């Protein structure tokens, strides 16, 4: 898993508050999505999400990563658009 993909997975999960919904949106199996999140949490050595009966919510570390990840993804998307122009 590359970091950009992991970032997109993480942001999608946080935005939808659901692993199942995020997996559907990203067209990947929910167990694979869970594994990607576990790998990301292992890489940053932080728990990023709290799993609850209602879905998932970001931890303090997760909220910090989410803010940065949004910016990173916007910049990547903007760079892609500029390269195509």
PDB file of N, CA and C in Angstrom:
ATOM      1  N   UNK A   1       0.850  -1.183   0.000  1.00  0.00           N
ATOM      2  CA  UNK A   1       0.000   0.000   0.000  1.00  0.00           C
ATOM      3  C   UNK A   1       0.888   1.236   0.000  1.00  0.00           C
ATOM      4  N   UNK A   2       0.649   2.111  -0.956  1.00  0.00           N
ATOM      5  CA  UNK A   2       1.425   3.339  -0.958  1.00  0.00           C
ATOM      6  C   UNK A   2       0.766   4.364  -0.028  1.00  0.00           C
ATOM      7  N   UNK A   3       1.530   5.345   0.342  1.00  0.00           N
ATOM      8  CA  UNK A   3       1.030   6.313   1.341  1.00  0.00           C
ATOM      9  C   UNK A   3      -0.133   7.150   0.833  1.00  0.00           C
ATOM     10  N   UNK A   4      -0.124   7.469  -0.465  1.00  0.00           N
ATOM     11  CA  UNK A   4      -1.222   8.264  -1.004  1.00  0.00           C
ATOM     12  C   UNK A   4      -2.530   7.473  -0.938  1.00  0.00           C
ATOM     13  N   UNK A   5      -2.479   6.198  -1.273  1.00  0.00           N
ATOM     14  CA  UNK A   5      -3.673   5.348  -1.185  1.00  0.00           C
ATOM     15  C   UNK A   5      -4.141   5.240   0.260  1.00  0.00           C
ATOM     16  N   UNK A   6      -3.215   5.036   1.165  1.00  0.00           N
ATOM     17  CA  UNK A   6      -3.562   4.942   2.585  1.00  0.00           C
ATOM     18  C   UNK A   6      -4.203   6.239   3.066  1.00  0.00           C
ATOM     19  N   UNK A   7      -3.695   7.359   2.582  1.00  0.00           N
ATOM     20  CA  UNK A   7      -4.244   8.660   2.957  1.00  0.00           C
ATOM     21  C   UNK A   7      -5.674   8.794   2.457  1.00  0.00           C
ATOM     22  N   UNK A   8      -5.905   8.395   1.215  1.00  0.00           N
ATOM     23  CA  UNK A   8      -7.270   8.466   0.661  1.00  0.00           C
ATOM     24  C   UNK A   8      -8.220   7.547   1.426  1.00  0.00           C
ATOM     25  N   UNK A   9      -7.771   6.360   1.761  1.00  0.00           N
ATOM     26  CA  UNK A   9      -8.593   5.430   2.533  1.00  0.00           C
ATOM     27  C   UNK A   9      -8.943   6.049   3.889  1.00  0.00           C
ATOM     28  N   UNK A  10      -7.950   6.558   4.573  1.00  0.00           N
ATOM     29  CA  UNK A  10      -8.167   7.142   5.892  1.00  0.00           C
ATOM     30  C   UNK A  10      -9.155   8.306   5.828  1.00  0.00           C
ATOM     31  N   UNK A  11      -8.963   9.220   4.898  1.00  0.00           N
ATOM     32  CA  UNK A  11      -9.844  10.383   4.768  1.00  0.00           C
ATOM     33  C   UNK A  11     -11.273   9.940   4.469  1.00  0.00           C
ATOM     34  N   UNK A  12     -11.432   8.980   3.586  1.00  0.00           N
ATOM     35  CA  UNK A  12     -12.768   8.498   3.241  1.00  0.00           C
ATOM     36  C   UNK A  12     -13.458   7.885   4.460  1.00  0.00           C
ATOM     37  N   UNK A  13     -12.730   7.112   5.233  1.00  0.00           N
ATOM     38  CA  UNK A  13     -13.303   6.511   6.439  1.00  0.00           C
ATOM     39  C   UNK A  13     -13.737   7.598   7.420  1.00  0.00           C
ATOM     40  N   UNK A  14     -12.886   8.570   7.662  1.00  0.00           N
ATOM     41  CA  UNK A  14     -13.227   9.642   8.605  1.00  0.00           C
ATOM     42  C   UNK A  14     -14.438  10.428   8.103  1.00  0.00           C
ATOM     43  N   UNK A  15     -14.466  10.747   6.823  1.00  0.00           N
ATOM     44  CA  UNK A  15     -15.559  11.558   6.283  1.00  0.00           C
ATOM     45  C   UNK A  15     -16.905  10.842   6.351  1.00  0.00           C
ATOM     46  N   UNK A  16     -16.889   9.527   6.242  1.00  0.00           N
ATOM     47  CA  UNK A  16     -18.147   8.781   6.246  1.00  0.00           C
ATOM     48  C   UNK A  16     -18.440   8.111   7.576  1.00  0.00           C
ATOM     49  N   UNK A  17     -17.439   8.026   8.451  1.00  0.00           N
ATOM     50  CA  UNK A  17     -17.655   7.454   9.774  1.00  0.00           C
ATOM     51  C   UNK A  17     -17.999   5.982   9.757  1.00  0.00           C
ATOM     52  N   UNK A  18     -17.670   5.335   8.655  1.00  0.00           N
ATOM     53  CA  UNK A  18     -18.051   3.929   8.504  1.00  0.00           C
ATOM     54  C   UNK A  18     -17.042   3.207   7.619  1.00  0.00           C
ATOM     55  N   UNK A  19     -16.544   2.089   8.115  1.00  0.00           N
ATOM     56  CA  UNK A  19     -15.635   1.277   7.308  1.00  0.00           C
ATOM     57  C   UNK A  19     -16.376   0.676   6.122  1.00  0.00           C
ATOM     58  N   UNK A  20     -17.601   0.233   6.344  1.00  0.00           N
ATOM     59  CA  UNK A  20     -18.382  -0.390   5.277  1.00  0.00           C
ATOM     60  C   UNK A  20     -18.679   0.600   4.160  1.00  0.00           C
ATOM     61  N   UNK A  21     -19.127   1.793   4.519  1.00  0.00           N
ATOM     62  CA  UNK A  21     -19.418   2.808   3.496  1.00  0.00           C
ATOM     63  C   UNK A  21     -18.161   3.208   2.744  1.00  0.00           C
ATOM     64  N   UNK A  22     -17.069   3.385   3.464  1.00  0.00           N
ATOM     65  CA  UNK A  22     -15.812   3.755   2.815  1.00  0.00           C
ATOM     66  C   UNK A  22     -15.356   2.664   1.855  1.00  0.00           C
ATOM     67  N   UNK A  23     -15.476   1.410   2.267  1.00  0.00           N
ATOM     68  CA  UNK A  23     -15.088   0.297   1.398  1.00  0.00           C
ATOM     69  C   UNK A  23     -15.935   0.293   0.130  1.00  0.00           C
ATOM     70  N   UNK A  24     -17.237   0.538   0.272  1.00  0.00           N
ATOM     71  CA  UNK A  24     -18.116   0.593  -0.900  1.00  0.00           C
ATOM     72  C   UNK A  24     -17.720   1.732  -1.832  1.00  0.00           C
ATOM     73  N   UNK A  25     -17.461   2.890  -1.278  1.00  0.00           N
ATOM     74  CA  UNK A  25     -17.082   4.060  -2.079  1.00  0.00           C
ATOM     75  C   UNK A  25     -15.777   3.823  -2.816  1.00  0.00           C
ATOM     76  N   UNK A  26     -14.826   3.202  -2.131  1.00  0.00           N
ATOM     77  CA  UNK A  26     -13.497   2.969  -2.701  1.00  0.00           C
ATOM     78  C   UNK A  26     -13.418   1.679  -3.518  1.00  0.00           C
ATOM     79  N   UNK A  27     -14.507   0.925  -3.542  1.00  0.00           N
ATOM     80  CA  UNK A  27     -14.576  -0.329  -4.305  1.00  0.00           C
ATOM     81  C   UNK A  27     -13.507  -1.329  -3.874  1.00  0.00           C
ATOM     82  N   UNK A  28     -13.377  -1.478  -2.561  1.00  0.00           N
ATOM     83  CA  UNK A  28     -12.487  -2.505  -2.023  1.00  0.00           C
ATOM     84  C   UNK A  28     -13.233  -3.263  -0.928  1.00  0.00           C
ATOM     85  N   UNK A  29     -12.801  -4.459  -0.667  1.00  0.00           N
ATOM     86  CA  UNK A  29     -13.441  -5.263   0.374  1.00  0.00           C
ATOM     87  C   UNK A  29     -13.178  -4.643   1.744  1.00  0.00           C
ATOM     88  N   UNK A  30     -14.171  -4.728   2.623  1.00  0.00           N
ATOM     89  CA  UNK A  30     -14.032  -4.129   3.946  1.00  0.00           C
ATOM     90  C   UNK A  30     -12.873  -4.726   4.744  1.00  0.00           C
ATOM     91  N   UNK A  31     -12.623  -6.036   4.681  1.00  0.00           N
ATOM     92  CA  UNK A  31     -11.448  -6.556   5.395  1.00  0.00           C
ATOM     93  C   UNK A  31     -10.134  -5.981   4.868  1.00  0.00           C
ATOM     94  N   UNK A  32     -10.046  -5.755   3.567  1.00  0.00           N
ATOM     95  CA  UNK A  32      -8.832  -5.159   2.988  1.00  0.00           C
ATOM     96  C   UNK A  32      -8.669  -3.717   3.467  1.00  0.00           C
ATOM     97  N   UNK A  33      -9.781  -2.989   3.545  1.00  0.00           N
ATOM     98  CA  UNK A  33      -9.734  -1.613   4.038  1.00  0.00           C
ATOM     99  C   UNK A  33      -9.286  -1.598   5.493  1.00  0.00           C
ATOM    100  N   UNK A  34      -9.816  -2.504   6.294  1.00  0.00           N
ATOM    101  CA  UNK A  34      -9.423  -2.582   7.706  1.00  0.00           C
ATOM    102  C   UNK A  34      -7.933  -2.880   7.835  1.00  0.00           C
ATOM    103  N   UNK A  35      -7.427  -3.750   6.977  1.00  0.00           N
ATOM    104  CA  UNK A  35      -6.006  -4.080   7.005  1.00  0.00           C
ATOM    105  C   UNK A  35      -5.156  -2.869   6.627  1.00  0.00           C
ATOM    106  N   UNK A  36      -5.594  -2.093   5.640  1.00  0.00           N
ATOM    107  CA  UNK A  36      -4.857  -0.885   5.255  1.00  0.00           C
ATOM    108  C   UNK A  36      -4.811   0.101   6.407  1.00  0.00           C
ATOM    109  N   UNK A  37      -5.923   0.252   7.110  1.00  0.00           N
ATOM    110  CA  UNK A  37      -5.949   1.162   8.262  1.00  0.00           C
ATOM    111  C   UNK A  37      -5.039   0.660   9.375  1.00  0.00           C
ATOM    112  N   UNK A  38      -5.045  -0.643   9.613  1.00  0.00           N
ATOM    113  CA  UNK A  38      -4.171  -1.208  10.643  1.00  0.00           C
ATOM    114  C   UNK A  38      -2.709  -0.991  10.285  1.00  0.00           C
ATOM    115  N   UNK A  39      -2.384  -1.139   9.011  1.00  0.00           N
ATOM    116  CA  UNK A  39      -1.016  -0.898   8.556  1.00  0.00           C
ATOM    117  C   UNK A  39      -0.632   0.562   8.756  1.00  0.00           C
ATOM    118  N   UNK A  40      -1.539   1.464   8.406  1.00  0.00           N
ATOM    119  CA  UNK A  40      -1.280   2.896   8.588  1.00  0.00           C
ATOM    120  C   UNK A  40      -1.076   3.216  10.065  1.00  0.00           C
ATOM    121  N   UNK A  41      -1.928   2.684  10.917  1.00  0.00           N
ATOM    122  CA  UNK A  41      -1.779   2.912  12.356  1.00  0.00           C
ATOM    123  C   UNK A  41      -0.444   2.364  12.855  1.00  0.00           C
ATOM    124  N   UNK A  42      -0.021   1.242  12.315  1.00  0.00           N
ATOM    125  CA  UNK A  42       1.276   0.686  12.685  1.00  0.00           C
ATOM    126  C   UNK A  42       2.432   1.570  12.232  1.00  0.00           C
ATOM    127  N   UNK A  43       2.298   2.132  11.037  1.00  0.00           N
ATOM    128  CA  UNK A  43       3.365   3.004  10.518  1.00  0.00           C
ATOM    129  C   UNK A  43       3.518   4.271  11.348  1.00  0.00           C
ATOM    130  N   UNK A  44       2.394   4.839  11.761  1.00  0.00           N
ATOM    131  CA  UNK A  44       2.471   6.094  12.533  1.00  0.00           C
ATOM    132  C   UNK A  44       2.554   5.835  14.034  1.00  0.00           C
ATOM    133  N   UNK A  45       2.429   4.568  14.408  1.00  0.00           N
ATOM    134  CA  UNK A  45       2.507   4.158  15.814  1.00  0.00           C
ATOM    135  C   UNK A  45       1.507   4.911  16.695  1.00  0.00           C
ATOM    136  N   UNK A  46       0.332   5.081  16.143  1.00  0.00           N
ATOM    137  CA  UNK A  46      -0.756   5.768  16.852  1.00  0.00           C
ATOM    138  C   UNK A  46      -2.070   5.092  16.491  1.00  0.00           C
ATOM    139  N   UNK A  47      -2.984   5.032  17.441  1.00  0.00           N
ATOM    140  CA  UNK A  47      -4.340   4.639  17.100  1.00  0.00           C
ATOM    141  C   UNK A  47      -4.998   5.854  16.472  1.00  0.00           C
ATOM    142  N   UNK A  48      -5.544   5.696  15.287  1.00  0.00           N
ATOM    143  CA  UNK A  48      -6.121   6.819  14.552  1.00  0.00           C
ATOM    144  C   UNK A  48      -7.638   6.854  14.621  1.00  0.00           C
ATOM    145  N   UNK A  49      -8.248   5.691  14.838  1.00  0.00           N
ATOM    146  CA  UNK A  49      -9.701   5.601  14.836  1.00  0.00           C
ATOM    147  C   UNK A  49     -10.188   4.804  16.040  1.00  0.00           C
ATOM    148  N   UNK A  50     -11.312   5.234  16.574  1.00  0.00           N
ATOM    149  CA  UNK A  50     -12.007   4.474  17.611  1.00  0.00           C
ATOM    150  C   UNK A  50     -13.179   3.789  16.938  1.00  0.00           C
ATOM    151  N   UNK A  51     -13.235   2.486  17.067  1.00  0.00           N
ATOM    152  CA  UNK A  51     -14.328   1.731  16.482  1.00  0.00           C
ATOM    153  C   UNK A  51     -15.442   1.621  17.519  1.00  0.00           C
ATOM    154  N   UNK A  52     -16.628   2.060  17.140  1.00  0.00           N
ATOM    155  CA  UNK A  52     -17.788   2.022  18.040  1.00  0.00           C
ATOM    156  C   UNK A  52     -18.912   1.238  17.362  1.00  0.00           C
ATOM    157  N   UNK A  53     -19.989   1.029  18.088  1.00  0.00           N
ATOM    158  CA  UNK A  53     -21.150   0.339  17.513  1.00  0.00           C
ATOM    159  C   UNK A  53     -21.770   1.159  16.388  1.00  0.00           C
ATOM    160  N   UNK A  54     -21.593   2.453  16.435  1.00  0.00           N
ATOM    161  CA  UNK A  54     -22.171   3.350  15.420  1.00  0.00           C
ATOM    162  C   UNK A  54     -21.232   3.617  14.246  1.00  0.00           C
ATOM    163  N   UNK A  55     -20.030   3.135  14.310  1.00  0.00           N
ATOM    164  CA  UNK A  55     -19.076   3.391  13.232  1.00  0.00           C
ATOM    165  C   UNK A  55     -17.702   3.688  13.799  1.00  0.00           C
ATOM    166  N   UNK A  56     -17.017   4.614  13.176  1.00  0.00           N
ATOM    167  CA  UNK A  56     -15.683   4.993  13.636  1.00  0.00           C
ATOM    168  C   UNK A  56     -15.593   6.502  13.805  1.00  0.00           C
ATOM    169  N   UNK A  57     -14.786   6.914  14.765  1.00  0.00           N
ATOM    170  CA  UNK A  57     -14.500   8.326  14.977  1.00  0.00           C
ATOM    171  C   UNK A  57     -12.992   8.462  15.152  1.00  0.00           C
ATOM    172  N   UNK A  58     -12.433   9.568  14.677  1.00  0.00           N
ATOM    173  CA  UNK A  58     -10.989   9.729  14.817  1.00  0.00           C
ATOM    174  C   UNK A  58     -10.576  10.055  16.246  1.00  0.00           C
ATOM    175  N   UNK A  59      -9.429   9.551  16.636  1.00  0.00           N
ATOM    176  CA  UNK A  59      -8.805   9.931  17.905  1.00  0.00           C
ATOM    177  C   UNK A  59      -8.203  11.323  17.724  1.00  0.00           C
ATOM    178  N   UNK A  60      -7.594  11.850  18.765  1.00  0.00           N
ATOM    179  CA  UNK A  60      -6.909  13.145  18.632  1.00  0.00           C
ATOM    180  C   UNK A  60      -5.832  13.048  17.547  1.00  0.00           C
ATOM    181  N   UNK A  61      -5.053  11.972  17.560  1.00  0.00           N
ATOM    182  CA  UNK A  61      -4.032  11.778  16.521  1.00  0.00           C
ATOM    183  C   UNK A  61      -4.693  11.658  15.153  1.00  0.00           C
ATOM    184  N   UNK A  62      -5.825  10.981  15.097  1.00  0.00           N
ATOM    185  CA  UNK A  62      -6.557  10.838  13.843  1.00  0.00           C
ATOM    186  C   UNK A  62      -7.066  12.164  13.318  1.00  0.00           C
ATOM    187  N   UNK A  63      -7.542  13.016  14.209  1.00  0.00           N
ATOM    188  CA  UNK A  63      -8.005  14.350  13.773  1.00  0.00           C
ATOM    189  C   UNK A  63      -6.846  15.168  13.233  1.00  0.00           C
ATOM    190  N   UNK A  64      -5.688  15.058  13.864  1.00  0.00           N
ATOM    191  CA  UNK A  64      -4.505  15.774  13.385  1.00  0.00           C
ATOM    192  C   UNK A  64      -4.117  15.267  12.002  1.00  0.00           C
ATOM    193  N   UNK A  65      -4.052  13.948  11.845  1.00  0.00           N
ATOM    194  CA  UNK A  65      -3.706  13.382  10.539  1.00  0.00           C
ATOM    195  C   UNK A  65      -4.743  13.764   9.495  1.00  0.00           C
ATOM    196  N   UNK A  66      -6.008  13.746   9.862  1.00  0.00           N
ATOM    197  CA  UNK A  66      -7.081  14.083   8.924  1.00  0.00           C
ATOM    198  C   UNK A  66      -6.918  15.497   8.369  1.00  0.00           C
ATOM    199  N   UNK A  67      -6.625  16.448   9.238  1.00  0.00           N
ATOM    200  CA  UNK A  67      -6.434  17.836   8.770  1.00  0.00           C
ATOM    201  C   UNK A  67      -5.301  17.910   7.754  1.00  0.00           C
ATOM    202  N   UNK A  68      -4.191  17.271   8.059  1.00  0.00           N
ATOM    203  CA  UNK A  68      -3.048  17.292   7.141  1.00  0.00           C
ATOM    204  C   UNK A  68      -3.358  16.504   5.864  1.00  0.00           C
ATOM    205  N   UNK A  69      -4.026  15.381   6.014  1.00  0.00           N
ATOM    206  CA  UNK A  69      -4.330  14.523   4.867  1.00  0.00           C
ATOM    207  C   UNK A  69      -5.241  15.233   3.870  1.00  0.00           C
ATOM    208  N   UNK A  70      -6.196  16.008   4.354  1.00  0.00           N
ATOM    209  CA  UNK A  70      -7.066  16.770   3.455  1.00  0.00           C
ATOM    210  C   UNK A  70      -6.235  17.709   2.587  1.00  0.00           C
ATOM    211  N   UNK A  71      -5.308  18.411   3.209  1.00  0.00           N
ATOM    212  CA  UNK A  71      -4.452  19.334   2.462  1.00  0.00           C
ATOM    213  C   UNK A  71      -3.590  18.594   1.449  1.00  0.00           C
ATOM    214  N   UNK A  72      -3.012  17.499   1.867  1.00  0.00           N
ATOM    215  CA  UNK A  72      -2.152  16.709   0.985  1.00  0.00           C
ATOM    216  C   UNK A  72      -2.940  16.235  -0.235  1.00  0.00           C
ATOM    217  N   UNK A  73      -4.123  15.709  -0.014  1.00  0.00           N
ATOM    218  CA  UNK A  73      -4.917  15.206  -1.132  1.00  0.00           C
ATOM    219  C   UNK A  73      -5.355  16.322  -2.067  1.00  0.00           C
ATOM    220  N   UNK A  74      -5.720  17.465  -1.513  1.00  0.00           N
ATOM    221  CA  UNK A  74      -6.083  18.609  -2.366  1.00  0.00           C
ATOM    222  C   UNK A  74      -4.898  19.038  -3.217  1.00  0.00           C
ATOM    223  N   UNK A  75      -3.713  19.069  -2.607  1.00  0.00           N
ATOM    224  CA  UNK A  75      -2.522  19.467  -3.351  1.00  0.00           C
ATOM    225  C   UNK A  75      -2.188  18.450  -4.434  1.00  0.00           C
ATOM    226  N   UNK A  76      -2.333  17.175  -4.147  1.00  0.00           N
ATOM    227  CA  UNK A  76      -2.084  16.130  -5.149  1.00  0.00           C
ATOM    228  C   UNK A  76      -3.072  16.248  -6.299  1.00  0.00           C
ATOM    229  N   UNK A  77      -4.337  16.467  -5.979  1.00  0.00           N
ATOM    230  CA  UNK A  77      -5.347  16.632  -7.023  1.00  0.00           C
ATOM    231  C   UNK A  77      -5.066  17.869  -7.867  1.00  0.00           C
ATOM    232  N   UNK A  78      -4.663  18.965  -7.223  1.00  0.00           N
ATOM    233  CA  UNK A  78      -4.337  20.182  -7.954  1.00  0.00           C
ATOM    234  C   UNK A  78      -3.132  19.970  -8.854  1.00  0.00           C
ATOM    235  N   UNK A  79      -2.118  19.294  -8.365  1.00  0.00           N
ATOM    236  CA  UNK A  79      -0.937  19.010  -9.179  1.00  0.00           C
ATOM    237  C   UNK A  79      -1.321  18.178 -10.405  1.00  0.00           C
ATOM    238  N   UNK A  80      -2.184  17.188 -10.204  1.00  0.00           N
ATOM    239  CA  UNK A  80      -2.632  16.343 -11.310  1.00  0.00           C
ATOM    240  C   UNK A  80      -3.334  17.188 -12.371  1.00  0.00           C
ATOM    241  N   UNK A  81      -4.208  18.095 -11.927  1.00  0.00           N
ATOM    242  CA  UNK A  81      -4.902  18.971 -12.872  1.00  0.00           C
ATOM    243  C   UNK A  81      -3.927  19.867 -13.637  1.00  0.00           C
ATOM    244  N   UNK A  82      -2.957  20.422 -12.921  1.00  0.00           N
ATOM    245  CA  UNK A  82      -1.985  21.291 -13.570  1.00  0.00           C
ATOM    246  C   UNK A  82      -1.114  20.549 -14.567  1.00  0.00           C
ATOM    247  N   UNK A  83      -0.793  19.316 -14.271  1.00  0.00           N
ATOM    248  CA  UNK A  83       0.014  18.525 -15.203  1.00  0.00           C
ATOM    249  C   UNK A  83      -0.752  18.176 -16.467  1.00  0.00           C
ATOM    250  N   UNK A  84      -2.079  18.081 -16.359  1.00  0.00           N
ATOM    251  CA  UNK A  84      -2.896  17.749 -17.516  1.00  0.00           C
ATOM    252  C   UNK A  84      -3.180  18.968 -18.389  1.00  0.00           C
ATOM    253  N   UNK A  85      -2.960  20.147 -17.861  1.00  0.00           N
ATOM    254  CA  UNK A  85      -3.269  21.382 -18.605  1.00  0.00           C
ATOM    255  C   UNK A  85      -2.216  21.675 -19.657  1.00  0.00           C
TER     256      UNK A  85
END
